[in-house]
């Protein structure tokens, strides 16, 4: 194997290790979003998994379950959007470290 092929293989292995490190880091990062003025709070991790939902007792009314459902959906969507943006930024940052300067989109 020539030197340039070994060099490219080494860079690929380094990039794989960096992506694994970022994925591990994202698993420990969280974002919390709320709806209904804080009545419903949802926390998601960087793997876009919901890890916690908090619902204030005042908003739990069996006769108005649709309102609670809407608040939960809104908070979940906000939390997932936040961790998605966080994840994309971290992965882009990791990719930039392996690309030559001036590549558009990074």
PDB file of N, CA and C in Angstrom:
ATOM      1  N   UNK A   1       0.853  -1.168   0.000  1.00  0.00           N
ATOM      2  CA  UNK A   1       0.000   0.000   0.000  1.00  0.00           C
ATOM      3  C   UNK A   1       0.900   1.231   0.000  1.00  0.00           C
ATOM      4  N   UNK A   2       0.620   2.167  -0.905  1.00  0.00           N
ATOM      5  CA  UNK A   2       1.467   3.353  -0.963  1.00  0.00           C
ATOM      6  C   UNK A   2       1.119   4.321   0.174  1.00  0.00           C
ATOM      7  N   UNK A   3       1.990   5.284   0.349  1.00  0.00           N
ATOM      8  CA  UNK A   3       1.886   6.232   1.463  1.00  0.00           C
ATOM      9  C   UNK A   3       0.599   7.049   1.430  1.00  0.00           C
ATOM     10  N   UNK A   4       0.149   7.457   0.233  1.00  0.00           N
ATOM     11  CA  UNK A   4      -1.065   8.276   0.151  1.00  0.00           C
ATOM     12  C   UNK A   4      -2.300   7.458   0.535  1.00  0.00           C
ATOM     13  N   UNK A   5      -2.315   6.191   0.186  1.00  0.00           N
ATOM     14  CA  UNK A   5      -3.434   5.324   0.549  1.00  0.00           C
ATOM     15  C   UNK A   5      -3.450   5.104   2.061  1.00  0.00           C
ATOM     16  N   UNK A   6      -2.303   4.891   2.654  1.00  0.00           N
ATOM     17  CA  UNK A   6      -2.205   4.727   4.104  1.00  0.00           C
ATOM     18  C   UNK A   6      -2.661   6.000   4.817  1.00  0.00           C
ATOM     19  N   UNK A   7      -2.252   7.141   4.269  1.00  0.00           N
ATOM     20  CA  UNK A   7      -2.629   8.425   4.847  1.00  0.00           C
ATOM     21  C   UNK A   7      -4.150   8.612   4.793  1.00  0.00           C
ATOM     22  N   UNK A   8      -4.747   8.286   3.652  1.00  0.00           N
ATOM     23  CA  UNK A   8      -6.186   8.424   3.497  1.00  0.00           C
ATOM     24  C   UNK A   8      -6.917   7.468   4.442  1.00  0.00           C
ATOM     25  N   UNK A   9      -6.420   6.247   4.578  1.00  0.00           N
ATOM     26  CA  UNK A   9      -7.017   5.264   5.473  1.00  0.00           C
ATOM     27  C   UNK A   9      -6.932   5.738   6.928  1.00  0.00           C
ATOM     28  N   UNK A  10      -5.804   6.326   7.278  1.00  0.00           N
ATOM     29  CA  UNK A  10      -5.636   6.867   8.623  1.00  0.00           C
ATOM     30  C   UNK A  10      -6.620   7.990   8.901  1.00  0.00           C
ATOM     31  N   UNK A  11      -6.826   8.866   7.905  1.00  0.00           N
ATOM     32  CA  UNK A  11      -7.788   9.960   8.070  1.00  0.00           C
ATOM     33  C   UNK A  11      -9.207   9.420   8.218  1.00  0.00           C
ATOM     34  N   UNK A  12      -9.541   8.391   7.455  1.00  0.00           N
ATOM     35  CA  UNK A  12     -10.869   7.786   7.541  1.00  0.00           C
ATOM     36  C   UNK A  12     -11.094   7.176   8.922  1.00  0.00           C
ATOM     37  N   UNK A  13     -10.099   6.487   9.436  1.00  0.00           N
ATOM     38  CA  UNK A  13     -10.213   5.904  10.769  1.00  0.00           C
ATOM     39  C   UNK A  13     -10.344   6.999  11.827  1.00  0.00           C
ATOM     40  N   UNK A  14      -9.614   8.089  11.646  1.00  0.00           N
ATOM     41  CA  UNK A  14      -9.715   9.216  12.566  1.00  0.00           C
ATOM     42  C   UNK A  14     -11.096   9.845  12.526  1.00  0.00           C
ATOM     43  N   UNK A  15     -11.658   9.952  11.324  1.00  0.00           N
ATOM     44  CA  UNK A  15     -12.991  10.528  11.186  1.00  0.00           C
ATOM     45  C   UNK A  15     -14.034   9.619  11.841  1.00  0.00           C
ATOM     46  N   UNK A  16     -13.907   8.323  11.666  1.00  0.00           N
ATOM     47  CA  UNK A  16     -14.838   7.382  12.294  1.00  0.00           C
ATOM     48  C   UNK A  16     -14.766   7.489  13.823  1.00  0.00           C
ATOM     49  N   UNK A  17     -13.568   7.617  14.344  1.00  0.00           N
ATOM     50  CA  UNK A  17     -13.400   7.751  15.795  1.00  0.00           C
ATOM     51  C   UNK A  17     -14.015   9.058  16.281  1.00  0.00           C
ATOM     52  N   UNK A  18     -13.843  10.127  15.515  1.00  0.00           N
ATOM     53  CA  UNK A  18     -14.408  11.423  15.893  1.00  0.00           C
ATOM     54  C   UNK A  18     -15.931  11.392  15.857  1.00  0.00           C
ATOM     55  N   UNK A  19     -16.510  10.756  14.857  1.00  0.00           N
ATOM     56  CA  UNK A  19     -17.968  10.642  14.776  1.00  0.00           C
ATOM     57  C   UNK A  19     -18.496   9.834  15.956  1.00  0.00           C
ATOM     58  N   UNK A  20     -17.823   8.758  16.311  1.00  0.00           N
ATOM     59  CA  UNK A  20     -18.239   7.953  17.467  1.00  0.00           C
ATOM     60  C   UNK A  20     -18.157   8.780  18.750  1.00  0.00           C
ATOM     61  N   UNK A  21     -17.109   9.601  18.875  1.00  0.00           N
ATOM     62  CA  UNK A  21     -16.955  10.446  20.053  1.00  0.00           C
ATOM     63  C   UNK A  21     -18.083  11.470  20.131  1.00  0.00           C
ATOM     64  N   UNK A  22     -18.411  12.090  18.993  1.00  0.00           N
ATOM     65  CA  UNK A  22     -19.483  13.092  18.958  1.00  0.00           C
ATOM     66  C   UNK A  22     -20.825  12.442  19.282  1.00  0.00           C
ATOM     67  N   UNK A  23     -21.074  11.258  18.748  1.00  0.00           N
ATOM     68  CA  UNK A  23     -22.334  10.563  19.042  1.00  0.00           C
ATOM     69  C   UNK A  23     -22.449  10.252  20.528  1.00  0.00           C
ATOM     70  N   UNK A  24     -21.359   9.862  21.138  1.00  0.00           N
ATOM     71  CA  UNK A  24     -21.359   9.599  22.575  1.00  0.00           C
ATOM     72  C   UNK A  24     -21.623  10.891  23.345  1.00  0.00           C
ATOM     73  N   UNK A  25     -20.984  11.955  22.926  1.00  0.00           N
ATOM     74  CA  UNK A  25     -21.180  13.263  23.565  1.00  0.00           C
ATOM     75  C   UNK A  25     -22.633  13.725  23.427  1.00  0.00           C
ATOM     76  N   UNK A  26     -23.221  13.514  22.257  1.00  0.00           N
ATOM     77  CA  UNK A  26     -24.615  13.916  22.034  1.00  0.00           C
ATOM     78  C   UNK A  26     -25.568  13.150  22.946  1.00  0.00           C
ATOM     79  N   UNK A  27     -25.258  11.921  23.243  1.00  0.00           N
ATOM     80  CA  UNK A  27     -26.107  11.135  24.122  1.00  0.00           C
ATOM     81  C   UNK A  27     -26.213  11.716  25.515  1.00  0.00           C
ATOM     82  N   UNK A  28     -25.190  12.457  25.939  1.00  0.00           N
ATOM     83  CA  UNK A  28     -25.213  13.044  27.276  1.00  0.00           C
ATOM     84  C   UNK A  28     -25.728  14.480  27.274  1.00  0.00           C
ATOM     85  N   UNK A  29     -25.895  15.078  26.099  1.00  0.00           N
ATOM     86  CA  UNK A  29     -26.426  16.443  26.013  1.00  0.00           C
ATOM     87  C   UNK A  29     -27.950  16.393  25.987  1.00  0.00           C
ATOM     88  N   UNK A  30     -28.568  17.388  26.581  1.00  0.00           N
ATOM     89  CA  UNK A  30     -30.024  17.433  26.575  1.00  0.00           C
ATOM     90  C   UNK A  30     -30.514  18.831  26.244  1.00  0.00           C
ATOM     91  N   UNK A  31     -31.744  18.888  25.788  1.00  0.00           N
ATOM     92  CA  UNK A  31     -32.435  20.157  25.565  1.00  0.00           C
ATOM     93  C   UNK A  31     -33.830  20.003  26.151  1.00  0.00           C
ATOM     94  N   UNK A  32     -34.275  21.028  26.853  1.00  0.00           N
ATOM     95  CA  UNK A  32     -35.610  21.024  27.437  1.00  0.00           C
ATOM     96  C   UNK A  32     -36.428  22.128  26.790  1.00  0.00           C
ATOM     97  N   UNK A  33     -37.625  21.775  26.375  1.00  0.00           N
ATOM     98  CA  UNK A  33     -38.543  22.742  25.778  1.00  0.00           C
ATOM     99  C   UNK A  33     -39.842  22.678  26.561  1.00  0.00           C
ATOM    100  N   UNK A  34     -40.590  23.774  26.497  1.00  0.00           N
ATOM    101  CA  UNK A  34     -41.842  23.808  27.233  1.00  0.00           C
ATOM    102  C   UNK A  34     -42.952  24.381  26.376  1.00  0.00           C
ATOM    103  N   UNK A  35     -44.162  24.143  26.831  1.00  0.00           N
ATOM    104  CA  UNK A  35     -45.335  24.733  26.189  1.00  0.00           C
ATOM    105  C   UNK A  35     -46.328  25.084  27.284  1.00  0.00           C
ATOM    106  N   UNK A  36     -47.317  25.875  26.917  1.00  0.00           N
ATOM    107  CA  UNK A  36     -48.321  26.275  27.894  1.00  0.00           C
ATOM    108  C   UNK A  36     -47.735  27.093  29.018  1.00  0.00           C
ATOM    109  N   UNK A  37     -46.765  27.947  28.681  1.00  0.00           N
ATOM    110  CA  UNK A  37     -46.152  28.772  29.712  1.00  0.00           C
ATOM    111  C   UNK A  37     -45.429  27.975  30.774  1.00  0.00           C
ATOM    112  N   UNK A  38     -44.870  26.848  30.393  1.00  0.00           N
ATOM    113  CA  UNK A  38     -44.122  26.017  31.331  1.00  0.00           C
ATOM    114  C   UNK A  38     -44.948  24.931  31.989  1.00  0.00           C
ATOM    115  N   UNK A  39     -46.195  24.798  31.585  1.00  0.00           N
ATOM    116  CA  UNK A  39     -47.053  23.768  32.178  1.00  0.00           C
ATOM    117  C   UNK A  39     -46.622  22.361  31.763  1.00  0.00           C
ATOM    118  N   UNK A  40     -46.057  22.240  30.564  1.00  0.00           N
ATOM    119  CA  UNK A  40     -45.537  20.967  30.075  1.00  0.00           C
ATOM    120  C   UNK A  40     -44.086  21.195  29.665  1.00  0.00           C
ATOM    121  N   UNK A  41     -43.190  20.365  30.205  1.00  0.00           N
ATOM    122  CA  UNK A  41     -41.764  20.441  29.864  1.00  0.00           C
ATOM    123  C   UNK A  41     -41.308  19.078  29.377  1.00  0.00           C
ATOM    124  N   UNK A  42     -40.561  19.102  28.280  1.00  0.00           N
ATOM    125  CA  UNK A  42     -40.060  17.859  27.694  1.00  0.00           C
ATOM    126  C   UNK A  42     -38.555  17.994  27.509  1.00  0.00           C
ATOM    127  N   UNK A  43     -37.831  16.960  27.919  1.00  0.00           N
ATOM    128  CA  UNK A  43     -36.382  16.931  27.749  1.00  0.00           C
ATOM    129  C   UNK A  43     -36.026  15.801  26.792  1.00  0.00           C
ATOM    130  N   UNK A  44     -35.193  16.125  25.815  1.00  0.00           N
ATOM    131  CA  UNK A  44     -34.715  15.137  24.850  1.00  0.00           C
ATOM    132  C   UNK A  44     -33.191  15.138  24.885  1.00  0.00           C
ATOM    133  N   UNK A  45     -32.599  13.988  24.565  1.00  0.00           N
ATOM    134  CA  UNK A  45     -31.143  13.938  24.488  1.00  0.00           C
ATOM    135  C   UNK A  45     -30.692  14.134  23.046  1.00  0.00           C
ATOM    136  N   UNK A  46     -29.385  14.202  22.860  1.00  0.00           N
ATOM    137  CA  UNK A  46     -28.819  14.442  21.541  1.00  0.00           C
ATOM    138  C   UNK A  46     -29.042  13.325  20.551  1.00  0.00           C
ATOM    139  N   UNK A  47     -29.527  12.192  21.022  1.00  0.00           N
ATOM    140  CA  UNK A  47     -29.874  11.086  20.121  1.00  0.00           C
ATOM    141  C   UNK A  47     -31.331  11.182  19.691  1.00  0.00           C
ATOM    142  N   UNK A  48     -31.960  12.307  20.030  1.00  0.00           N
ATOM    143  CA  UNK A  48     -33.356  12.593  19.698  1.00  0.00           C
ATOM    144  C   UNK A  48     -34.305  11.596  20.355  1.00  0.00           C
ATOM    145  N   UNK A  49     -33.992  11.281  21.621  1.00  0.00           N
ATOM    146  CA  UNK A  49     -34.850  10.423  22.433  1.00  0.00           C
ATOM    147  C   UNK A  49     -35.431  11.275  23.556  1.00  0.00           C
ATOM    148  N   UNK A  50     -36.712  11.118  23.827  1.00  0.00           N
ATOM    149  CA  UNK A  50     -37.342  11.823  24.933  1.00  0.00           C
ATOM    150  C   UNK A  50     -36.895  11.137  26.221  1.00  0.00           C
ATOM    151  N   UNK A  51     -36.333  11.910  27.153  1.00  0.00           N
ATOM    152  CA  UNK A  51     -35.838  11.316  28.394  1.00  0.00           C
ATOM    153  C   UNK A  51     -36.653  11.745  29.612  1.00  0.00           C
ATOM    154  N   UNK A  52     -37.485  12.794  29.471  1.00  0.00           N
ATOM    155  CA  UNK A  52     -38.289  13.224  30.601  1.00  0.00           C
ATOM    156  C   UNK A  52     -39.447  14.104  30.122  1.00  0.00           C
ATOM    157  N   UNK A  53     -40.588  13.936  30.762  1.00  0.00           N
ATOM    158  CA  UNK A  53     -41.743  14.805  30.542  1.00  0.00           C
ATOM    159  C   UNK A  53     -42.274  15.187  31.913  1.00  0.00           C
ATOM    160  N   UNK A  54     -42.455  16.489  32.119  1.00  0.00           N
ATOM    161  CA  UNK A  54     -43.017  16.997  33.364  1.00  0.00           C
ATOM    162  C   UNK A  54     -44.299  17.744  33.032  1.00  0.00           C
ATOM    163  N   UNK A  55     -45.378  17.400  33.732  1.00  0.00           N
ATOM    164  CA  UNK A  55     -46.679  18.029  33.505  1.00  0.00           C
ATOM    165  C   UNK A  55     -47.162  18.586  34.843  1.00  0.00           C
ATOM    166  N   UNK A  56     -47.421  19.883  34.864  1.00  0.00           N
ATOM    167  CA  UNK A  56     -47.949  20.503  36.086  1.00  0.00           C
ATOM    168  C   UNK A  56     -49.364  19.983  36.342  1.00  0.00           C
ATOM    169  N   UNK A  57     -49.671  19.739  37.583  1.00  0.00           N
ATOM    170  CA  UNK A  57     -50.972  19.164  37.956  1.00  0.00           C
ATOM    171  C   UNK A  57     -52.156  20.030  37.512  1.00  0.00           C
ATOM    172  N   UNK A  58     -51.961  21.349  37.480  1.00  0.00           N
ATOM    173  CA  UNK A  58     -53.063  22.247  37.115  1.00  0.00           C
ATOM    174  C   UNK A  58     -53.580  22.015  35.694  1.00  0.00           C
ATOM    175  N   UNK A  59     -52.732  21.482  34.827  1.00  0.00           N
ATOM    176  CA  UNK A  59     -53.130  21.298  33.434  1.00  0.00           C
ATOM    177  C   UNK A  59     -53.746  19.908  33.193  1.00  0.00           C
ATOM    178  N   UNK A  60     -53.743  19.064  34.201  1.00  0.00           N
ATOM    179  CA  UNK A  60     -54.323  17.722  34.058  1.00  0.00           C
ATOM    180  C   UNK A  60     -55.816  17.802  34.394  1.00  0.00           C
ATOM    181  N   UNK A  61     -56.613  17.817  33.354  1.00  0.00           N
ATOM    182  CA  UNK A  61     -58.071  17.898  33.496  1.00  0.00           C
ATOM    183  C   UNK A  61     -58.670  16.882  32.529  1.00  0.00           C
ATOM    184  N   UNK A  62     -59.275  15.820  33.045  1.00  0.00           N
ATOM    185  CA  UNK A  62     -59.819  14.772  32.175  1.00  0.00           C
ATOM    186  C   UNK A  62     -60.822  15.287  31.143  1.00  0.00           C
ATOM    187  N   UNK A  63     -61.469  16.406  31.425  1.00  0.00           N
ATOM    188  CA  UNK A  63     -62.448  16.930  30.474  1.00  0.00           C
ATOM    189  C   UNK A  63     -61.787  17.732  29.354  1.00  0.00           C
ATOM    190  N   UNK A  64     -60.504  18.029  29.506  1.00  0.00           N
ATOM    191  CA  UNK A  64     -59.791  18.798  28.482  1.00  0.00           C
ATOM    192  C   UNK A  64     -58.523  18.073  28.045  1.00  0.00           C
ATOM    193  N   UNK A  65     -58.646  16.795  27.771  1.00  0.00           N
ATOM    194  CA  UNK A  65     -57.471  16.007  27.410  1.00  0.00           C
ATOM    195  C   UNK A  65     -56.846  16.475  26.100  1.00  0.00           C
ATOM    196  N   UNK A  66     -57.628  16.992  25.180  1.00  0.00           N
ATOM    197  CA  UNK A  66     -57.076  17.462  23.904  1.00  0.00           C
ATOM    198  C   UNK A  66     -56.084  18.596  24.114  1.00  0.00           C
ATOM    199  N   UNK A  67     -56.381  19.511  25.049  1.00  0.00           N
ATOM    200  CA  UNK A  67     -55.468  20.611  25.308  1.00  0.00           C
ATOM    201  C   UNK A  67     -54.137  20.068  25.837  1.00  0.00           C
ATOM    202  N   UNK A  68     -54.180  19.126  26.769  1.00  0.00           N
ATOM    203  CA  UNK A  68     -52.958  18.537  27.311  1.00  0.00           C
ATOM    204  C   UNK A  68     -52.183  17.804  26.224  1.00  0.00           C
ATOM    205  N   UNK A  69     -52.878  17.075  25.386  1.00  0.00           N
ATOM    206  CA  UNK A  69     -52.220  16.372  24.281  1.00  0.00           C
ATOM    207  C   UNK A  69     -51.520  17.353  23.359  1.00  0.00           C
ATOM    208  N   UNK A  70     -52.179  18.467  23.044  1.00  0.00           N
ATOM    209  CA  UNK A  70     -51.575  19.487  22.182  1.00  0.00           C
ATOM    210  C   UNK A  70     -50.327  20.094  22.826  1.00  0.00           C
ATOM    211  N   UNK A  71     -50.395  20.350  24.135  1.00  0.00           N
ATOM    212  CA  UNK A  71     -49.241  20.907  24.846  1.00  0.00           C
ATOM    213  C   UNK A  71     -48.063  19.938  24.833  1.00  0.00           C
ATOM    214  N   UNK A  72     -48.357  18.660  25.017  1.00  0.00           N
ATOM    215  CA  UNK A  72     -47.290  17.651  25.002  1.00  0.00           C
ATOM    216  C   UNK A  72     -46.657  17.564  23.613  1.00  0.00           C
ATOM    217  N   UNK A  73     -47.479  17.510  22.585  1.00  0.00           N
ATOM    218  CA  UNK A  73     -46.957  17.437  21.215  1.00  0.00           C
ATOM    219  C   UNK A  73     -46.094  18.658  20.904  1.00  0.00           C
ATOM    220  N   UNK A  74     -46.559  19.837  21.289  1.00  0.00           N
ATOM    221  CA  UNK A  74     -45.802  21.067  21.022  1.00  0.00           C
ATOM    222  C   UNK A  74     -44.451  21.036  21.727  1.00  0.00           C
ATOM    223  N   UNK A  75     -44.437  20.646  22.994  1.00  0.00           N
ATOM    224  CA  UNK A  75     -43.177  20.607  23.744  1.00  0.00           C
ATOM    225  C   UNK A  75     -42.231  19.546  23.190  1.00  0.00           C
ATOM    226  N   UNK A  76     -42.756  18.382  22.828  1.00  0.00           N
ATOM    227  CA  UNK A  76     -41.921  17.324  22.251  1.00  0.00           C
ATOM    228  C   UNK A  76     -41.296  17.799  20.947  1.00  0.00           C
ATOM    229  N   UNK A  77     -42.088  18.391  20.080  1.00  0.00           N
ATOM    230  CA  UNK A  77     -41.559  18.862  18.801  1.00  0.00           C
ATOM    231  C   UNK A  77     -40.492  19.931  18.990  1.00  0.00           C
ATOM    232  N   UNK A  78     -40.679  20.825  19.941  1.00  0.00           N
ATOM    233  CA  UNK A  78     -39.661  21.858  20.212  1.00  0.00           C
ATOM    234  C   UNK A  78     -38.375  21.235  20.742  1.00  0.00           C
ATOM    235  N   UNK A  79     -38.501  20.305  21.680  1.00  0.00           N
ATOM    236  CA  UNK A  79     -37.307  19.657  22.244  1.00  0.00           C
ATOM    237  C   UNK A  79     -36.546  18.887  21.173  1.00  0.00           C
ATOM    238  N   UNK A  80     -37.268  18.158  20.320  1.00  0.00           N
ATOM    239  CA  UNK A  80     -36.608  17.400  19.252  1.00  0.00           C
ATOM    240  C   UNK A  80     -35.947  18.322  18.238  1.00  0.00           C
ATOM    241  N   UNK A  81     -36.585  19.445  17.931  1.00  0.00           N
ATOM    242  CA  UNK A  81     -35.982  20.416  17.000  1.00  0.00           C
ATOM    243  C   UNK A  81     -34.693  20.980  17.584  1.00  0.00           C
ATOM    244  N   UNK A  82     -34.684  21.249  18.888  1.00  0.00           N
ATOM    245  CA  UNK A  82     -33.483  21.785  19.532  1.00  0.00           C
ATOM    246  C   UNK A  82     -32.336  20.784  19.504  1.00  0.00           C
ATOM    247  N   UNK A  83     -32.609  19.524  19.832  1.00  0.00           N
ATOM    248  CA  UNK A  83     -31.524  18.541  19.835  1.00  0.00           C
ATOM    249  C   UNK A  83     -31.096  18.176  18.417  1.00  0.00           C
ATOM    250  N   UNK A  84     -32.007  18.266  17.468  1.00  0.00           N
ATOM    251  CA  UNK A  84     -31.623  18.024  16.072  1.00  0.00           C
ATOM    252  C   UNK A  84     -30.644  19.096  15.617  1.00  0.00           C
ATOM    253  N   UNK A  85     -30.932  20.348  15.931  1.00  0.00           N
ATOM    254  CA  UNK A  85     -30.034  21.442  15.560  1.00  0.00           C
ATOM    255  C   UNK A  85     -28.684  21.285  16.268  1.00  0.00           C
ATOM    256  N   UNK A  86     -28.711  20.893  17.526  1.00  0.00           N
ATOM    257  CA  UNK A  86     -27.482  20.666  18.284  1.00  0.00           C
ATOM    258  C   UNK A  86     -26.666  19.543  17.656  1.00  0.00           C
ATOM    259  N   UNK A  87     -27.331  18.463  17.305  1.00  0.00           N
ATOM    260  CA  UNK A  87     -26.676  17.315  16.692  1.00  0.00           C
ATOM    261  C   UNK A  87     -26.053  17.683  15.345  1.00  0.00           C
ATOM    262  N   UNK A  88     -26.812  18.398  14.519  1.00  0.00           N
ATOM    263  CA  UNK A  88     -26.294  18.801  13.209  1.00  0.00           C
ATOM    264  C   UNK A  88     -25.082  19.712  13.349  1.00  0.00           C
ATOM    265  N   UNK A  89     -25.120  20.617  14.311  1.00  0.00           N
ATOM    266  CA  UNK A  89     -23.984  21.518  14.521  1.00  0.00           C
ATOM    267  C   UNK A  89     -22.745  20.747  14.966  1.00  0.00           C
ATOM    268  N   UNK A  90     -22.922  19.795  15.883  1.00  0.00           N
ATOM    269  CA  UNK A  90     -21.781  19.006  16.377  1.00  0.00           C
ATOM    270  C   UNK A  90     -21.200  18.130  15.268  1.00  0.00           C
ATOM    271  N   UNK A  91     -22.056  17.496  14.469  1.00  0.00           N
ATOM    272  CA  UNK A  91     -21.570  16.632  13.391  1.00  0.00           C
ATOM    273  C   UNK A  91     -20.877  17.463  12.310  1.00  0.00           C
ATOM    274  N   UNK A  92     -21.417  18.629  12.010  1.00  0.00           N
ATOM    275  CA  UNK A  92     -20.805  19.511  11.024  1.00  0.00           C
ATOM    276  C   UNK A  92     -19.431  19.960  11.506  1.00  0.00           C
ATOM    277  N   UNK A  93     -19.345  20.277  12.785  1.00  0.00           N
ATOM    278  CA  UNK A  93     -18.074  20.681  13.376  1.00  0.00           C
ATOM    279  C   UNK A  93     -17.050  19.560  13.272  1.00  0.00           C
ATOM    280  N   UNK A  94     -17.475  18.334  13.538  1.00  0.00           N
ATOM    281  CA  UNK A  94     -16.577  17.180  13.446  1.00  0.00           C
ATOM    282  C   UNK A  94     -16.132  16.958  12.008  1.00  0.00           C
ATOM    283  N   UNK A  95     -17.055  17.076  11.061  1.00  0.00           N
ATOM    284  CA  UNK A  95     -16.720  16.870   9.649  1.00  0.00           C
ATOM    285  C   UNK A  95     -15.744  17.938   9.153  1.00  0.00           C
ATOM    286  N   UNK A  96     -15.956  19.187   9.613  1.00  0.00           N
ATOM    287  CA  UNK A  96     -15.071  20.285   9.193  1.00  0.00           C
ATOM    288  C   UNK A  96     -13.623  20.013   9.566  1.00  0.00           C
ATOM    289  N   UNK A  97     -13.402  19.344  10.676  1.00  0.00           N
ATOM    290  CA  UNK A  97     -12.035  19.113  11.125  1.00  0.00           C
ATOM    291  C   UNK A  97     -11.281  18.141  10.203  1.00  0.00           C
ATOM    292  N   UNK A  98     -11.997  17.421   9.350  1.00  0.00           N
ATOM    293  CA  UNK A  98     -11.341  16.459   8.455  1.00  0.00           C
ATOM    294  C   UNK A  98     -11.335  16.898   6.998  1.00  0.00           C
ATOM    295  N   UNK A  99     -11.972  18.023   6.679  1.00  0.00           N
ATOM    296  CA  UNK A  99     -12.026  18.475   5.299  1.00  0.00           C
ATOM    297  C   UNK A  99     -11.045  19.616   5.072  1.00  0.00           C
ATOM    298  N   UNK A 100     -10.542  19.723   3.865  1.00  0.00           N
ATOM    299  CA  UNK A 100      -9.650  20.840   3.576  1.00  0.00           C
ATOM    300  C   UNK A 100     -10.427  22.161   3.676  1.00  0.00           C
ATOM    301  N   UNK A 101      -9.746  23.235   4.039  1.00  0.00           N
ATOM    302  CA  UNK A 101     -10.429  24.533   4.152  1.00  0.00           C
ATOM    303  C   UNK A 101     -11.060  24.958   2.834  1.00  0.00           C
ATOM    304  N   UNK A 102     -12.185  25.662   2.942  1.00  0.00           N
ATOM    305  CA  UNK A 102     -12.828  26.223   1.754  1.00  0.00           C
ATOM    306  C   UNK A 102     -13.894  25.354   1.138  1.00  0.00           C
ATOM    307  N   UNK A 103     -14.174  24.177   1.702  1.00  0.00           N
ATOM    308  CA  UNK A 103     -15.234  23.331   1.160  1.00  0.00           C
ATOM    309  C   UNK A 103     -16.578  23.992   1.512  1.00  0.00           C
ATOM    310  N   UNK A 104     -17.417  24.291   0.503  1.00  0.00           N
ATOM    311  CA  UNK A 104     -18.693  24.955   0.787  1.00  0.00           C
ATOM    312  C   UNK A 104     -19.637  24.059   1.601  1.00  0.00           C
ATOM    313  N   UNK A 105     -20.472  24.705   2.416  1.00  0.00           N
ATOM    314  CA  UNK A 105     -21.457  23.972   3.198  1.00  0.00           C
ATOM    315  C   UNK A 105     -20.939  23.537   4.553  1.00  0.00           C
ATOM    316  N   UNK A 106     -19.664  23.755   4.828  1.00  0.00           N
ATOM    317  CA  UNK A 106     -19.108  23.387   6.123  1.00  0.00           C
ATOM    318  C   UNK A 106     -18.471  24.589   6.675  1.00  0.00           C
TER     319      UNK A 106
END
